[in-house]
N, C-alpha and C. Protein backbone atom coordinates (compact mmCIF):
# COMPACT_ATOMS: atom_id res chain seq x y z
N MET A 1 139.86 -124.68 -183.78
CA MET A 1 139.73 -125.71 -182.77
C MET A 1 138.27 -125.81 -182.35
N SER A 2 137.75 -127.00 -182.24
CA SER A 2 136.34 -127.17 -181.92
C SER A 2 136.15 -127.45 -180.43
N GLY A 3 135.01 -126.97 -179.91
CA GLY A 3 134.67 -127.19 -178.51
C GLY A 3 134.10 -128.58 -178.32
N GLU A 4 133.97 -128.98 -177.08
CA GLU A 4 133.44 -130.29 -176.76
C GLU A 4 132.00 -130.42 -177.27
N GLY A 5 131.72 -131.49 -178.00
CA GLY A 5 130.38 -131.73 -178.51
C GLY A 5 130.04 -130.95 -179.77
N GLU A 6 130.97 -130.15 -180.28
CA GLU A 6 130.71 -129.37 -181.48
C GLU A 6 130.81 -130.26 -182.71
N LEU A 7 129.92 -130.05 -183.65
CA LEU A 7 129.96 -130.84 -184.88
C LEU A 7 131.11 -130.39 -185.77
N THR A 8 131.71 -131.34 -186.44
CA THR A 8 132.79 -131.03 -187.37
C THR A 8 132.59 -131.84 -188.65
N GLY A 9 133.31 -131.46 -189.67
CA GLY A 9 133.32 -132.22 -190.91
C GLY A 9 131.94 -132.37 -191.55
N ALA A 10 131.68 -133.60 -191.99
CA ALA A 10 130.44 -133.89 -192.71
C ALA A 10 129.21 -133.64 -191.84
N ALA A 11 129.30 -133.91 -190.53
CA ALA A 11 128.15 -133.69 -189.64
C ALA A 11 127.82 -132.20 -189.56
N ALA A 12 128.83 -131.34 -189.52
CA ALA A 12 128.60 -129.89 -189.49
C ALA A 12 128.01 -129.41 -190.81
N GLU A 13 128.49 -129.96 -191.92
CA GLU A 13 127.95 -129.60 -193.23
C GLU A 13 126.48 -130.02 -193.33
N LEU A 14 126.17 -131.21 -192.84
CA LEU A 14 124.79 -131.69 -192.84
C LEU A 14 123.90 -130.77 -192.00
N ALA A 15 124.37 -130.41 -190.81
CA ALA A 15 123.60 -129.53 -189.93
C ALA A 15 123.33 -128.19 -190.61
N ALA A 16 124.33 -127.63 -191.28
CA ALA A 16 124.16 -126.34 -191.97
C ALA A 16 123.17 -126.47 -193.12
N ALA A 17 123.27 -127.55 -193.88
CA ALA A 17 122.35 -127.77 -195.00
C ALA A 17 120.93 -127.97 -194.50
N LEU A 18 120.76 -128.70 -193.41
CA LEU A 18 119.43 -128.93 -192.85
C LEU A 18 118.83 -127.62 -192.35
N LYS A 19 119.64 -126.82 -191.66
CA LYS A 19 119.15 -125.52 -191.18
C LYS A 19 118.72 -124.64 -192.33
N ALA A 20 119.50 -124.61 -193.40
CA ALA A 20 119.14 -123.80 -194.57
C ALA A 20 117.84 -124.31 -195.21
N THR A 21 117.69 -125.62 -195.26
CA THR A 21 116.47 -126.21 -195.83
C THR A 21 115.26 -125.85 -194.96
N MET A 22 115.41 -125.93 -193.66
CA MET A 22 114.30 -125.60 -192.75
C MET A 22 113.95 -124.11 -192.85
N ARG A 23 114.97 -123.26 -192.98
CA ARG A 23 114.69 -121.82 -193.15
C ARG A 23 113.91 -121.58 -194.44
N GLY A 24 114.28 -122.30 -195.50
CA GLY A 24 113.57 -122.17 -196.77
C GLY A 24 112.11 -122.61 -196.64
N ALA A 25 111.89 -123.70 -195.92
CA ALA A 25 110.52 -124.18 -195.70
C ALA A 25 109.72 -123.16 -194.88
N MET A 26 110.38 -122.55 -193.89
CA MET A 26 109.69 -121.55 -193.07
C MET A 26 109.37 -120.30 -193.91
N ARG A 27 110.28 -119.92 -194.80
CA ARG A 27 110.00 -118.78 -195.69
C ARG A 27 108.82 -119.10 -196.61
N MET A 28 108.77 -120.35 -197.10
CA MET A 28 107.66 -120.76 -197.95
C MET A 28 106.34 -120.64 -197.19
N ARG A 29 106.31 -121.10 -195.95
CA ARG A 29 105.11 -120.99 -195.13
C ARG A 29 104.79 -119.53 -194.84
N GLY A 30 105.81 -118.71 -194.62
CA GLY A 30 105.61 -117.29 -194.36
C GLY A 30 105.00 -116.57 -195.54
N ARG A 31 105.34 -116.99 -196.75
CA ARG A 31 104.74 -116.36 -197.95
C ARG A 31 103.25 -116.65 -198.03
N ASP A 32 102.81 -117.72 -197.35
CA ASP A 32 101.38 -118.07 -197.36
C ASP A 32 100.51 -116.93 -196.87
N THR A 33 101.02 -116.09 -195.99
CA THR A 33 100.21 -115.01 -195.43
C THR A 33 99.94 -113.91 -196.46
N HIS A 34 100.67 -113.93 -197.58
CA HIS A 34 100.52 -112.89 -198.59
C HIS A 34 99.84 -113.41 -199.86
N LEU A 35 99.19 -114.55 -199.77
CA LEU A 35 98.55 -115.13 -200.95
C LEU A 35 97.27 -114.39 -201.30
N GLY A 36 96.95 -114.41 -202.59
CA GLY A 36 95.69 -113.82 -203.04
C GLY A 36 94.52 -114.72 -202.72
N GLY A 37 93.32 -114.24 -203.01
CA GLY A 37 92.10 -114.95 -202.64
C GLY A 37 91.96 -116.35 -203.19
N SER A 38 92.42 -116.61 -204.43
CA SER A 38 92.21 -117.93 -205.02
C SER A 38 93.40 -118.86 -204.82
N GLU A 39 94.51 -118.35 -204.33
CA GLU A 39 95.68 -119.19 -204.10
C GLU A 39 95.52 -119.96 -202.79
N LEU A 40 96.14 -121.14 -202.73
CA LEU A 40 96.07 -121.97 -201.53
C LEU A 40 97.42 -121.98 -200.82
N SER A 41 97.37 -121.94 -199.51
CA SER A 41 98.57 -122.01 -198.70
C SER A 41 99.03 -123.45 -198.58
N TYR A 42 100.25 -123.60 -198.13
CA TYR A 42 100.80 -124.93 -197.87
C TYR A 42 99.92 -125.65 -196.84
N ALA A 43 99.50 -124.94 -195.80
CA ALA A 43 98.67 -125.55 -194.75
C ALA A 43 97.31 -125.97 -195.32
N GLN A 44 96.73 -125.16 -196.21
CA GLN A 44 95.46 -125.55 -196.82
C GLN A 44 95.64 -126.79 -197.69
N LEU A 45 96.75 -126.85 -198.41
CA LEU A 45 97.01 -128.05 -199.21
C LEU A 45 97.17 -129.27 -198.31
N GLU A 46 97.76 -129.07 -197.13
CA GLU A 46 97.89 -130.18 -196.18
C GLU A 46 96.51 -130.67 -195.74
N LEU A 47 95.57 -129.75 -195.53
CA LEU A 47 94.20 -130.16 -195.18
C LEU A 47 93.59 -130.97 -196.30
N LEU A 48 93.74 -130.49 -197.54
CA LEU A 48 93.21 -131.24 -198.68
C LEU A 48 93.85 -132.61 -198.78
N LEU A 49 95.15 -132.69 -198.52
CA LEU A 49 95.84 -133.97 -198.56
C LEU A 49 95.29 -134.93 -197.51
N GLN A 50 95.05 -134.43 -196.31
CA GLN A 50 94.49 -135.27 -195.25
C GLN A 50 93.11 -135.80 -195.65
N LEU A 51 92.29 -134.94 -196.23
CA LEU A 51 90.96 -135.38 -196.67
C LEU A 51 91.06 -136.39 -197.81
N TYR A 52 92.03 -136.20 -198.69
CA TYR A 52 92.25 -137.12 -199.80
C TYR A 52 92.67 -138.49 -199.28
N GLU A 53 93.60 -138.49 -198.32
CA GLU A 53 94.14 -139.75 -197.81
C GLU A 53 93.22 -140.45 -196.82
N ARG A 54 92.48 -139.67 -196.02
CA ARG A 54 91.70 -140.27 -194.92
C ARG A 54 90.20 -140.22 -195.13
N GLY A 55 89.74 -139.52 -196.14
CA GLY A 55 88.30 -139.40 -196.36
C GLY A 55 87.72 -138.29 -195.51
N GLU A 56 86.39 -138.26 -195.43
CA GLU A 56 85.74 -137.17 -194.70
C GLU A 56 86.09 -137.22 -193.22
N LEU A 57 86.29 -136.02 -192.65
CA LEU A 57 86.70 -135.90 -191.25
C LEU A 57 86.03 -134.71 -190.58
N PRO A 58 85.76 -134.82 -189.28
CA PRO A 58 85.33 -133.64 -188.52
C PRO A 58 86.53 -132.69 -188.39
N ALA A 59 86.26 -131.41 -188.18
CA ALA A 59 87.31 -130.40 -188.10
C ALA A 59 88.33 -130.72 -187.01
N GLY A 60 87.89 -131.23 -185.87
CA GLY A 60 88.81 -131.54 -184.78
C GLY A 60 89.81 -132.62 -185.16
N GLU A 61 89.35 -133.68 -185.80
CA GLU A 61 90.26 -134.74 -186.24
C GLU A 61 91.19 -134.25 -187.34
N LEU A 62 90.66 -133.40 -188.21
CA LEU A 62 91.47 -132.83 -189.27
C LEU A 62 92.58 -131.95 -188.69
N ALA A 63 92.26 -131.20 -187.64
CA ALA A 63 93.25 -130.35 -186.98
C ALA A 63 94.38 -131.20 -186.40
N VAL A 64 94.03 -132.29 -185.74
CA VAL A 64 95.05 -133.17 -185.17
C VAL A 64 95.90 -133.77 -186.28
N ALA A 65 95.26 -134.26 -187.33
CA ALA A 65 95.99 -134.90 -188.43
C ALA A 65 96.94 -133.93 -189.13
N ALA A 66 96.52 -132.68 -189.28
CA ALA A 66 97.33 -131.68 -189.97
C ALA A 66 98.25 -130.91 -189.03
N ARG A 67 98.15 -131.20 -187.72
CA ARG A 67 98.96 -130.53 -186.70
C ARG A 67 98.72 -129.01 -186.71
N LEU A 68 97.44 -128.66 -186.72
CA LEU A 68 97.03 -127.25 -186.68
C LEU A 68 96.00 -127.07 -185.57
N SER A 69 95.77 -125.84 -185.16
CA SER A 69 94.76 -125.59 -184.13
C SER A 69 93.37 -125.74 -184.74
N PRO A 70 92.40 -126.17 -183.93
CA PRO A 70 91.02 -126.28 -184.44
C PRO A 70 90.49 -124.96 -185.01
N ALA A 71 90.81 -123.84 -184.36
CA ALA A 71 90.34 -122.54 -184.87
C ALA A 71 90.92 -122.24 -186.24
N THR A 72 92.20 -122.55 -186.44
CA THR A 72 92.84 -122.34 -187.73
C THR A 72 92.20 -123.21 -188.79
N VAL A 73 91.94 -124.46 -188.45
CA VAL A 73 91.34 -125.39 -189.41
C VAL A 73 89.93 -124.92 -189.79
N THR A 74 89.16 -124.48 -188.83
CA THR A 74 87.81 -124.00 -189.12
C THR A 74 87.86 -122.83 -190.09
N GLN A 75 88.77 -121.90 -189.87
CA GLN A 75 88.93 -120.75 -190.75
C GLN A 75 89.35 -121.20 -192.16
N MET A 76 90.28 -122.13 -192.23
CA MET A 76 90.73 -122.63 -193.52
C MET A 76 89.62 -123.38 -194.25
N LEU A 77 88.85 -124.16 -193.50
CA LEU A 77 87.74 -124.89 -194.13
C LEU A 77 86.70 -123.92 -194.68
N ASP A 78 86.47 -122.80 -193.98
CA ASP A 78 85.56 -121.78 -194.51
C ASP A 78 86.03 -121.32 -195.89
N HIS A 79 87.32 -121.00 -195.99
CA HIS A 79 87.90 -120.53 -197.26
C HIS A 79 87.82 -121.62 -198.33
N LEU A 80 88.20 -122.85 -197.95
CA LEU A 80 88.19 -123.95 -198.91
C LEU A 80 86.78 -124.28 -199.39
N ALA A 81 85.81 -124.18 -198.49
CA ALA A 81 84.41 -124.43 -198.87
C ALA A 81 83.92 -123.32 -199.81
N ALA A 82 84.25 -122.07 -199.49
CA ALA A 82 83.83 -120.95 -200.34
C ALA A 82 84.43 -121.06 -201.74
N ALA A 83 85.64 -121.61 -201.82
CA ALA A 83 86.32 -121.78 -203.11
C ALA A 83 85.86 -123.03 -203.85
N GLY A 84 85.03 -123.86 -203.19
CA GLY A 84 84.51 -125.06 -203.84
C GLY A 84 85.42 -126.27 -203.76
N HIS A 85 86.42 -126.24 -202.88
CA HIS A 85 87.36 -127.35 -202.77
C HIS A 85 86.93 -128.40 -201.75
N VAL A 86 86.15 -128.00 -200.76
CA VAL A 86 85.62 -128.95 -199.78
C VAL A 86 84.13 -128.66 -199.60
N GLU A 87 83.44 -129.64 -199.10
CA GLU A 87 82.05 -129.44 -198.72
C GLU A 87 81.87 -129.98 -197.32
N ARG A 88 80.95 -129.36 -196.60
CA ARG A 88 80.64 -129.78 -195.24
C ARG A 88 79.26 -130.41 -195.23
N LEU A 89 79.16 -131.49 -194.48
CA LEU A 89 77.88 -132.17 -194.39
C LEU A 89 77.79 -132.91 -193.07
N ARG A 90 76.60 -133.29 -192.73
CA ARG A 90 76.39 -134.06 -191.50
C ARG A 90 76.92 -135.47 -191.70
N SER A 91 77.53 -136.00 -190.67
CA SER A 91 78.04 -137.36 -190.71
C SER A 91 76.89 -138.35 -190.86
N SER A 92 77.11 -139.37 -191.67
CA SER A 92 76.09 -140.40 -191.81
C SER A 92 76.03 -141.28 -190.56
N ASP A 93 77.11 -141.30 -189.77
CA ASP A 93 77.16 -142.10 -188.54
C ASP A 93 76.51 -141.37 -187.36
N ASP A 94 76.71 -140.05 -187.29
CA ASP A 94 76.20 -139.26 -186.17
C ASP A 94 75.79 -137.89 -186.72
N ARG A 95 74.50 -137.66 -186.84
CA ARG A 95 73.98 -136.44 -187.46
C ARG A 95 74.38 -135.17 -186.70
N ARG A 96 74.85 -135.31 -185.48
CA ARG A 96 75.30 -134.13 -184.71
C ARG A 96 76.66 -133.64 -185.17
N VAL A 97 77.40 -134.50 -185.86
CA VAL A 97 78.78 -134.19 -186.26
C VAL A 97 78.80 -133.69 -187.70
N VAL A 98 79.53 -132.59 -187.92
CA VAL A 98 79.74 -132.05 -189.26
C VAL A 98 81.12 -132.50 -189.73
N VAL A 99 81.16 -133.07 -190.92
CA VAL A 99 82.43 -133.51 -191.50
C VAL A 99 82.70 -132.71 -192.76
N SER A 100 83.97 -132.70 -193.15
CA SER A 100 84.37 -132.07 -194.41
C SER A 100 84.90 -133.14 -195.33
N ARG A 101 84.67 -132.95 -196.61
CA ARG A 101 85.24 -133.87 -197.60
C ARG A 101 85.60 -133.10 -198.85
N LEU A 102 86.51 -133.68 -199.61
CA LEU A 102 86.92 -133.06 -200.86
C LEU A 102 85.78 -133.07 -201.87
N THR A 103 85.68 -132.00 -202.62
CA THR A 103 84.79 -131.99 -203.77
C THR A 103 85.58 -132.52 -204.97
N PRO A 104 84.93 -132.85 -206.07
CA PRO A 104 85.69 -133.25 -207.26
C PRO A 104 86.70 -132.16 -207.68
N ALA A 105 86.30 -130.90 -207.57
CA ALA A 105 87.22 -129.80 -207.92
C ALA A 105 88.41 -129.77 -206.96
N GLY A 106 88.17 -130.00 -205.68
CA GLY A 106 89.26 -130.04 -204.71
C GLY A 106 90.21 -131.19 -204.98
N ARG A 107 89.66 -132.32 -205.35
CA ARG A 107 90.48 -133.50 -205.67
C ARG A 107 91.35 -133.21 -206.90
N ARG A 108 90.76 -132.61 -207.93
CA ARG A 108 91.54 -132.28 -209.13
C ARG A 108 92.66 -131.30 -208.81
N LEU A 109 92.34 -130.28 -208.01
CA LEU A 109 93.35 -129.30 -207.63
C LEU A 109 94.49 -129.96 -206.86
N LEU A 110 94.16 -130.78 -205.89
CA LEU A 110 95.18 -131.45 -205.09
C LEU A 110 96.06 -132.34 -205.96
N ILE A 111 95.46 -133.09 -206.84
CA ILE A 111 96.24 -133.98 -207.72
C ILE A 111 97.17 -133.16 -208.60
N ALA A 112 96.68 -132.05 -209.14
CA ALA A 112 97.53 -131.20 -209.98
C ALA A 112 98.68 -130.61 -209.17
N LYS A 113 98.39 -130.12 -207.97
CA LYS A 113 99.44 -129.56 -207.12
C LYS A 113 100.45 -130.63 -206.72
N ARG A 114 99.95 -131.81 -206.43
CA ARG A 114 100.83 -132.91 -206.02
C ARG A 114 101.75 -133.30 -207.18
N ARG A 115 101.21 -133.37 -208.39
CA ARG A 115 102.04 -133.70 -209.56
C ARG A 115 103.11 -132.64 -209.79
N ALA A 116 102.73 -131.37 -209.65
CA ALA A 116 103.71 -130.29 -209.82
C ALA A 116 104.81 -130.39 -208.77
N TRP A 117 104.43 -130.68 -207.52
CA TRP A 117 105.41 -130.81 -206.44
C TRP A 117 106.33 -132.00 -206.71
N GLN A 118 105.77 -133.11 -207.19
CA GLN A 118 106.58 -134.29 -207.47
C GLN A 118 107.56 -134.01 -208.62
N ARG A 119 107.13 -133.23 -209.61
CA ARG A 119 108.04 -132.84 -210.69
C ARG A 119 109.20 -132.02 -210.15
N ARG A 120 108.90 -131.09 -209.23
CA ARG A 120 109.96 -130.27 -208.62
C ARG A 120 110.95 -131.14 -207.85
N TRP A 121 110.43 -132.12 -207.10
CA TRP A 121 111.31 -133.04 -206.38
C TRP A 121 112.18 -133.82 -207.36
N ALA A 122 111.57 -134.34 -208.42
CA ALA A 122 112.32 -135.13 -209.41
C ALA A 122 113.42 -134.28 -210.05
N GLU A 123 113.11 -133.03 -210.38
CA GLU A 123 114.12 -132.14 -210.97
C GLU A 123 115.23 -131.86 -209.96
N ALA A 124 114.87 -131.60 -208.72
CA ALA A 124 115.87 -131.28 -207.69
C ALA A 124 116.79 -132.46 -207.41
N LEU A 125 116.26 -133.67 -207.54
CA LEU A 125 117.03 -134.87 -207.19
C LEU A 125 117.60 -135.60 -208.41
N ALA A 126 117.38 -135.04 -209.59
CA ALA A 126 117.88 -135.68 -210.82
C ALA A 126 119.39 -135.85 -210.72
N GLY A 127 119.84 -137.04 -211.03
CA GLY A 127 121.27 -137.32 -211.02
C GLY A 127 121.83 -137.75 -209.68
N VAL A 128 121.05 -137.69 -208.63
CA VAL A 128 121.53 -138.15 -207.32
C VAL A 128 121.36 -139.67 -207.29
N PRO A 129 122.44 -140.38 -207.04
CA PRO A 129 122.34 -141.85 -207.03
C PRO A 129 121.36 -142.35 -205.96
N GLU A 130 120.69 -143.45 -206.27
CA GLU A 130 119.71 -144.00 -205.34
C GLU A 130 120.32 -144.32 -203.98
N ARG A 131 121.55 -144.79 -203.95
CA ARG A 131 122.18 -145.11 -202.66
C ARG A 131 122.32 -143.85 -201.80
N ASP A 132 122.57 -142.70 -202.44
CA ASP A 132 122.66 -141.44 -201.70
C ASP A 132 121.30 -141.02 -201.17
N LEU A 133 120.26 -141.23 -201.98
CA LEU A 133 118.91 -140.90 -201.53
C LEU A 133 118.51 -141.78 -200.34
N ARG A 134 118.86 -143.05 -200.40
CA ARG A 134 118.55 -143.95 -199.29
C ARG A 134 119.33 -143.56 -198.03
N ALA A 135 120.57 -143.16 -198.20
CA ALA A 135 121.37 -142.72 -197.05
C ALA A 135 120.77 -141.44 -196.47
N ALA A 136 120.35 -140.52 -197.32
CA ALA A 136 119.74 -139.28 -196.84
C ALA A 136 118.45 -139.58 -196.08
N THR A 137 117.67 -140.52 -196.56
CA THR A 137 116.44 -140.90 -195.88
C THR A 137 116.74 -141.47 -194.49
N ARG A 138 117.76 -142.32 -194.40
CA ARG A 138 118.13 -142.89 -193.10
C ARG A 138 118.58 -141.79 -192.13
N VAL A 139 119.37 -140.86 -192.61
CA VAL A 139 119.86 -139.77 -191.77
C VAL A 139 118.70 -138.88 -191.31
N LEU A 140 117.84 -138.48 -192.23
CA LEU A 140 116.71 -137.62 -191.86
C LEU A 140 115.76 -138.33 -190.90
N THR A 141 115.57 -139.62 -191.09
CA THR A 141 114.71 -140.38 -190.18
C THR A 141 115.30 -140.37 -188.77
N ARG A 142 116.61 -140.51 -188.66
CA ARG A 142 117.25 -140.45 -187.34
C ARG A 142 117.15 -139.06 -186.74
N LEU A 143 117.27 -138.03 -187.57
CA LEU A 143 117.23 -136.66 -187.07
C LEU A 143 115.82 -136.24 -186.62
N GLN A 144 114.79 -136.94 -187.08
CA GLN A 144 113.42 -136.61 -186.67
C GLN A 144 113.28 -136.65 -185.15
N ALA A 145 114.04 -137.50 -184.50
CA ALA A 145 113.98 -137.61 -183.04
C ALA A 145 114.35 -136.28 -182.37
N LEU A 146 115.21 -135.50 -183.02
CA LEU A 146 115.58 -134.19 -182.47
C LEU A 146 114.38 -133.25 -182.37
N TYR A 147 113.43 -133.45 -183.24
CA TYR A 147 112.27 -132.56 -183.33
C TYR A 147 111.01 -133.19 -182.76
N GLY A 148 111.18 -134.32 -182.09
CA GLY A 148 110.05 -134.97 -181.43
C GLY A 148 109.09 -135.66 -182.37
N ASP A 149 109.53 -135.95 -183.59
CA ASP A 149 108.67 -136.62 -184.56
C ASP A 149 109.07 -138.09 -184.61
N SER A 150 108.16 -138.96 -184.23
CA SER A 150 108.51 -140.38 -184.12
C SER A 150 108.08 -141.20 -185.33
N GLU A 151 107.59 -140.58 -186.41
CA GLU A 151 107.20 -141.34 -187.59
C GLU A 151 108.43 -142.05 -188.15
N GLU A 152 108.22 -143.23 -188.69
CA GLU A 152 109.34 -144.03 -189.19
C GLU A 152 109.97 -143.39 -190.43
N CYS A 153 109.17 -142.92 -191.35
CA CYS A 153 109.70 -142.40 -192.59
C CYS A 153 108.97 -141.10 -192.94
N PRO A 154 109.69 -140.08 -193.41
CA PRO A 154 109.01 -138.84 -193.77
C PRO A 154 108.01 -139.07 -194.89
N ARG A 155 106.88 -138.42 -194.81
CA ARG A 155 105.84 -138.54 -195.82
C ARG A 155 106.04 -137.47 -196.88
N GLU A 156 105.83 -137.84 -198.11
CA GLU A 156 105.96 -136.90 -199.21
C GLU A 156 104.81 -135.91 -199.19
N LYS A 157 105.10 -134.66 -199.47
CA LYS A 157 104.07 -133.60 -199.52
C LYS A 157 103.68 -133.36 -200.97
N PRO A 158 102.49 -132.79 -201.14
CA PRO A 158 102.06 -132.56 -202.53
C PRO A 158 102.92 -131.53 -203.21
């Protein structure tokens, strides 16, 4: 017997599947702390993606765009610059501002990672009818409100 307001049936199954998916994503992010020197974390890839999509940015704007703290972004940019994936330079608009931008090597790395991620998505979703994918998108878009995310449609990650 279910209590008042308790999910049942398909809604309960969806909630359980979403929780399991979120736990998997959190485990993936948790593994980032154990990466070797040349490997990139999910958060670092997000920084590269922001630079790819938006062009050169100051660290503060990059932190807001990637939803990370400025101190974390500065530390990540140090690592990414040392690895040759980003470069820092003075803004052409305001010489007092330092911006970061992708290097050609960083762009190649991001594109390769993005293609690999897209292949994994395609494999995971192979055989799922398009109508089901569209329904899943509508449901996930509605559920974003639970987490305070007001974007209209989820953005694909690399």
